[in-house]
Amino acid sequence: MRSVDPHPLWQYLPEERRTRRARLQLQRQRCVAWLMRKRQLVGLFIGLYVVLWMIPLLFQQVLITALALMPLVLVPPVGLLVYWLVWEEFHG
């Protein structure tokens, strides 16, 4: 089974440069570049935050976990409220 080319210009490389190692290196570089985008980094850090604060649940510490996860629940609605209030102030 032939795998998909890792780059649109891959087929134009000389045969000696189209090695398995070069393909894996290009795929790794593309994966790292994708992970370094802002949206993926934010998601990664939020996921890491949630996982770290789920550890106290293993020790039946529900209150500390709930308090730690509260900013993830409350910040978006508060941000929307601030945005709406500022919008109303200048356009209302």
N, C-alpha and C. Protein backbone atom coordinates (compact mmCIF):
# COMPACT_ATOMS: atom_id res chain seq x y z
N MET A 1 0.84 -1.18 0.00
CA MET A 1 0.00 0.00 0.00
C MET A 1 0.89 1.24 0.00
N ARG A 2 0.62 2.15 -0.90
CA ARG A 2 1.40 3.38 -1.00
C ARG A 2 0.74 4.46 -0.15
N SER A 3 1.54 5.12 0.68
CA SER A 3 0.98 6.17 1.53
C SER A 3 0.87 7.47 0.74
N VAL A 4 0.08 8.36 1.25
CA VAL A 4 -0.15 9.65 0.62
C VAL A 4 1.11 10.51 0.76
N ASP A 5 1.40 11.28 -0.30
CA ASP A 5 2.56 12.15 -0.26
C ASP A 5 2.40 13.18 0.85
N PRO A 6 3.45 13.43 1.64
CA PRO A 6 3.34 14.36 2.76
C PRO A 6 3.32 15.83 2.33
N HIS A 7 3.64 16.11 1.09
CA HIS A 7 3.68 17.48 0.59
C HIS A 7 3.33 17.48 -0.88
N PRO A 8 2.65 18.51 -1.39
CA PRO A 8 2.27 18.53 -2.80
C PRO A 8 3.47 18.45 -3.77
N LEU A 9 4.62 18.94 -3.36
CA LEU A 9 5.80 18.94 -4.23
C LEU A 9 6.70 17.73 -3.99
N TRP A 10 6.24 16.78 -3.17
CA TRP A 10 7.05 15.60 -2.83
C TRP A 10 7.46 14.81 -4.07
N GLN A 11 6.57 14.69 -5.02
CA GLN A 11 6.84 13.89 -6.21
C GLN A 11 7.92 14.50 -7.10
N TYR A 12 8.20 15.79 -6.93
CA TYR A 12 9.21 16.45 -7.76
C TYR A 12 10.61 16.40 -7.15
N LEU A 13 10.72 15.88 -5.94
CA LEU A 13 12.05 15.70 -5.34
C LEU A 13 12.78 14.57 -6.07
N PRO A 14 14.11 14.67 -6.12
CA PRO A 14 14.86 13.54 -6.69
C PRO A 14 14.62 12.26 -5.89
N GLU A 15 14.69 11.17 -6.55
CA GLU A 15 14.40 9.87 -5.92
C GLU A 15 15.24 9.61 -4.68
N GLU A 16 16.52 10.02 -4.70
CA GLU A 16 17.40 9.76 -3.55
C GLU A 16 17.02 10.59 -2.32
N ARG A 17 16.26 11.65 -2.50
CA ARG A 17 15.84 12.45 -1.34
C ARG A 17 14.46 12.05 -0.82
N ARG A 18 13.76 11.21 -1.55
CA ARG A 18 12.43 10.76 -1.12
C ARG A 18 12.55 9.48 -0.31
N THR A 19 13.23 9.56 0.80
CA THR A 19 13.41 8.38 1.65
C THR A 19 12.32 8.31 2.71
N ARG A 20 12.23 7.18 3.34
CA ARG A 20 11.25 7.02 4.44
C ARG A 20 11.57 7.98 5.57
N ARG A 21 12.85 8.15 5.84
CA ARG A 21 13.27 9.05 6.93
C ARG A 21 12.89 10.49 6.60
N ALA A 22 13.09 10.92 5.35
CA ALA A 22 12.72 12.28 4.96
C ALA A 22 11.21 12.48 5.04
N ARG A 23 10.45 11.44 4.65
CA ARG A 23 8.98 11.52 4.74
C ARG A 23 8.53 11.68 6.20
N LEU A 24 9.12 10.87 7.08
CA LEU A 24 8.75 10.95 8.50
C LEU A 24 9.16 12.29 9.10
N GLN A 25 10.31 12.81 8.69
CA GLN A 25 10.77 14.10 9.20
C GLN A 25 9.82 15.22 8.75
N LEU A 26 9.40 15.18 7.50
CA LEU A 26 8.47 16.19 7.00
C LEU A 26 7.12 16.09 7.70
N GLN A 27 6.64 14.87 7.91
CA GLN A 27 5.38 14.70 8.63
C GLN A 27 5.49 15.20 10.06
N ARG A 28 6.64 14.93 10.70
CA ARG A 28 6.85 15.41 12.07
C ARG A 28 6.87 16.94 12.12
N GLN A 29 7.56 17.56 11.17
CA GLN A 29 7.63 19.02 11.12
C GLN A 29 6.25 19.63 10.92
N ARG A 30 5.45 19.01 10.05
CA ARG A 30 4.10 19.52 9.82
C ARG A 30 3.22 19.36 11.06
N CYS A 31 3.40 18.25 11.77
CA CYS A 31 2.62 18.02 13.00
C CYS A 31 3.00 19.03 14.08
N VAL A 32 4.30 19.27 14.24
CA VAL A 32 4.76 20.26 15.23
C VAL A 32 4.27 21.65 14.86
N ALA A 33 4.33 22.01 13.57
CA ALA A 33 3.84 23.32 13.13
C ALA A 33 2.34 23.44 13.40
N TRP A 34 1.58 22.36 13.19
CA TRP A 34 0.15 22.39 13.47
C TRP A 34 -0.12 22.58 14.96
N LEU A 35 0.67 21.88 15.80
CA LEU A 35 0.48 22.00 17.25
C LEU A 35 0.86 23.38 17.77
N MET A 36 1.74 24.09 17.08
CA MET A 36 2.19 25.40 17.54
C MET A 36 1.23 26.53 17.14
N ARG A 37 0.18 26.20 16.41
CA ARG A 37 -0.80 27.24 16.09
C ARG A 37 -1.54 27.63 17.35
N LYS A 38 -2.03 28.86 17.38
CA LYS A 38 -2.63 29.41 18.60
C LYS A 38 -3.81 28.58 19.09
N ARG A 39 -4.70 28.18 18.19
CA ARG A 39 -5.89 27.44 18.61
C ARG A 39 -5.52 26.10 19.23
N GLN A 40 -4.56 25.40 18.63
CA GLN A 40 -4.15 24.11 19.16
C GLN A 40 -3.43 24.26 20.50
N LEU A 41 -2.61 25.31 20.64
CA LEU A 41 -1.93 25.53 21.91
C LEU A 41 -2.91 25.83 23.03
N VAL A 42 -3.90 26.66 22.75
CA VAL A 42 -4.92 26.97 23.76
C VAL A 42 -5.65 25.70 24.16
N GLY A 43 -6.06 24.91 23.19
CA GLY A 43 -6.74 23.65 23.49
C GLY A 43 -5.87 22.69 24.27
N LEU A 44 -4.60 22.64 23.91
CA LEU A 44 -3.67 21.77 24.61
C LEU A 44 -3.50 22.18 26.07
N PHE A 45 -3.34 23.48 26.30
CA PHE A 45 -3.17 23.94 27.67
C PHE A 45 -4.45 23.81 28.49
N ILE A 46 -5.60 24.04 27.89
CA ILE A 46 -6.86 23.84 28.62
C ILE A 46 -7.03 22.36 28.96
N GLY A 47 -6.72 21.49 28.02
CA GLY A 47 -6.80 20.05 28.30
C GLY A 47 -5.86 19.63 29.41
N LEU A 48 -4.64 20.15 29.37
CA LEU A 48 -3.66 19.86 30.42
C LEU A 48 -4.14 20.37 31.77
N TYR A 49 -4.71 21.58 31.80
CA TYR A 49 -5.25 22.17 33.03
C TYR A 49 -6.36 21.27 33.61
N VAL A 50 -7.26 20.83 32.74
CA VAL A 50 -8.37 19.99 33.20
C VAL A 50 -7.85 18.66 33.74
N VAL A 51 -6.92 18.06 33.03
CA VAL A 51 -6.37 16.77 33.48
C VAL A 51 -5.67 16.92 34.82
N LEU A 52 -4.88 17.98 34.97
CA LEU A 52 -4.18 18.18 36.24
C LEU A 52 -5.14 18.41 37.40
N TRP A 53 -6.23 19.13 37.15
CA TRP A 53 -7.16 19.39 38.23
C TRP A 53 -8.17 18.27 38.44
N MET A 54 -8.11 17.24 37.61
CA MET A 54 -8.93 16.05 37.87
C MET A 54 -8.22 15.10 38.83
N ILE A 55 -6.94 15.28 39.03
CA ILE A 55 -6.18 14.42 39.94
C ILE A 55 -6.75 14.47 41.37
N PRO A 56 -7.12 15.65 41.91
CA PRO A 56 -7.71 15.64 43.26
C PRO A 56 -8.98 14.80 43.37
N LEU A 57 -9.68 14.60 42.26
CA LEU A 57 -10.88 13.75 42.33
C LEU A 57 -10.52 12.32 42.72
N LEU A 58 -9.31 11.89 42.40
CA LEU A 58 -8.89 10.54 42.80
C LEU A 58 -8.80 10.40 44.32
N PHE A 59 -8.61 11.54 44.98
CA PHE A 59 -8.51 11.55 46.44
C PHE A 59 -9.77 12.12 47.09
N GLN A 60 -10.89 12.07 46.36
CA GLN A 60 -12.20 12.55 46.83
C GLN A 60 -12.18 14.02 47.26
N GLN A 61 -11.45 14.85 46.54
CA GLN A 61 -11.41 16.29 46.81
C GLN A 61 -12.24 17.02 45.75
N VAL A 62 -13.55 16.87 45.86
CA VAL A 62 -14.46 17.40 44.84
C VAL A 62 -14.48 18.92 44.87
N LEU A 63 -14.45 19.53 46.04
CA LEU A 63 -14.57 20.98 46.15
C LEU A 63 -13.40 21.69 45.48
N ILE A 64 -12.19 21.26 45.72
CA ILE A 64 -11.03 21.92 45.12
C ILE A 64 -11.05 21.77 43.60
N THR A 65 -11.52 20.62 43.11
CA THR A 65 -11.62 20.42 41.66
C THR A 65 -12.70 21.34 41.08
N ALA A 66 -13.82 21.44 41.74
CA ALA A 66 -14.90 22.32 41.27
C ALA A 66 -14.44 23.77 41.24
N LEU A 67 -13.74 24.21 42.28
CA LEU A 67 -13.26 25.59 42.31
C LEU A 67 -12.20 25.85 41.24
N ALA A 68 -11.38 24.86 40.96
CA ALA A 68 -10.34 25.02 39.95
C ALA A 68 -10.93 25.05 38.54
N LEU A 69 -11.99 24.32 38.31
CA LEU A 69 -12.60 24.28 36.99
C LEU A 69 -13.62 25.39 36.75
N MET A 70 -13.97 26.12 37.81
CA MET A 70 -14.95 27.19 37.67
C MET A 70 -14.54 28.28 36.68
N PRO A 71 -13.27 28.70 36.62
CA PRO A 71 -12.92 29.72 35.62
C PRO A 71 -13.19 29.26 34.17
N LEU A 72 -13.04 27.98 33.90
CA LEU A 72 -13.33 27.49 32.56
C LEU A 72 -14.80 27.61 32.22
N VAL A 73 -15.65 27.56 33.24
CA VAL A 73 -17.09 27.65 33.02
C VAL A 73 -17.55 29.11 33.03
N LEU A 74 -16.95 29.94 33.89
CA LEU A 74 -17.44 31.30 34.06
C LEU A 74 -16.82 32.35 33.15
N VAL A 75 -15.59 32.16 32.71
CA VAL A 75 -14.93 33.19 31.90
C VAL A 75 -15.64 33.46 30.58
N PRO A 76 -16.04 32.46 29.80
CA PRO A 76 -16.71 32.78 28.54
C PRO A 76 -17.99 33.60 28.69
N PRO A 77 -18.91 33.27 29.62
CA PRO A 77 -20.11 34.11 29.74
C PRO A 77 -19.79 35.52 30.24
N VAL A 78 -18.84 35.66 31.13
CA VAL A 78 -18.46 36.98 31.63
C VAL A 78 -17.82 37.80 30.50
N GLY A 79 -16.99 37.17 29.69
CA GLY A 79 -16.40 37.86 28.54
C GLY A 79 -17.46 38.31 27.56
N LEU A 80 -18.45 37.46 27.31
CA LEU A 80 -19.56 37.83 26.43
C LEU A 80 -20.35 39.00 27.01
N LEU A 81 -20.58 38.98 28.31
CA LEU A 81 -21.29 40.08 28.96
C LEU A 81 -20.52 41.39 28.85
N VAL A 82 -19.22 41.36 29.06
CA VAL A 82 -18.39 42.56 28.93
C VAL A 82 -18.43 43.07 27.50
N TYR A 83 -18.32 42.17 26.54
CA TYR A 83 -18.37 42.56 25.13
C TYR A 83 -19.71 43.24 24.82
N TRP A 84 -20.79 42.62 25.27
CA TRP A 84 -22.12 43.18 25.02
C TRP A 84 -22.29 44.55 25.67
N LEU A 85 -21.81 44.71 26.92
CA LEU A 85 -21.92 46.00 27.60
C LEU A 85 -21.12 47.09 26.89
N VAL A 86 -19.91 46.77 26.45
CA VAL A 86 -19.10 47.74 25.71
C VAL A 86 -19.77 48.09 24.39
N TRP A 87 -20.32 47.09 23.70
CA TRP A 87 -21.00 47.33 22.44
C TRP A 87 -22.19 48.27 22.65
N GLU A 88 -22.96 48.00 23.69
CA GLU A 88 -24.11 48.86 24.00
C GLU A 88 -23.67 50.28 24.33
N GLU A 89 -22.57 50.44 25.03
CA GLU A 89 -22.09 51.75 25.41
C GLU A 89 -21.75 52.60 24.20
N PHE A 90 -21.15 52.00 23.18
CA PHE A 90 -20.70 52.77 22.04
C PHE A 90 -21.67 52.75 20.86
N HIS A 91 -22.59 51.80 20.82
CA HIS A 91 -23.51 51.72 19.69
C HIS A 91 -24.98 51.82 20.09
N GLY A 92 -25.26 51.90 21.36
CA GLY A 92 -26.63 51.85 21.82
C GLY A 92 -27.30 53.13 22.01
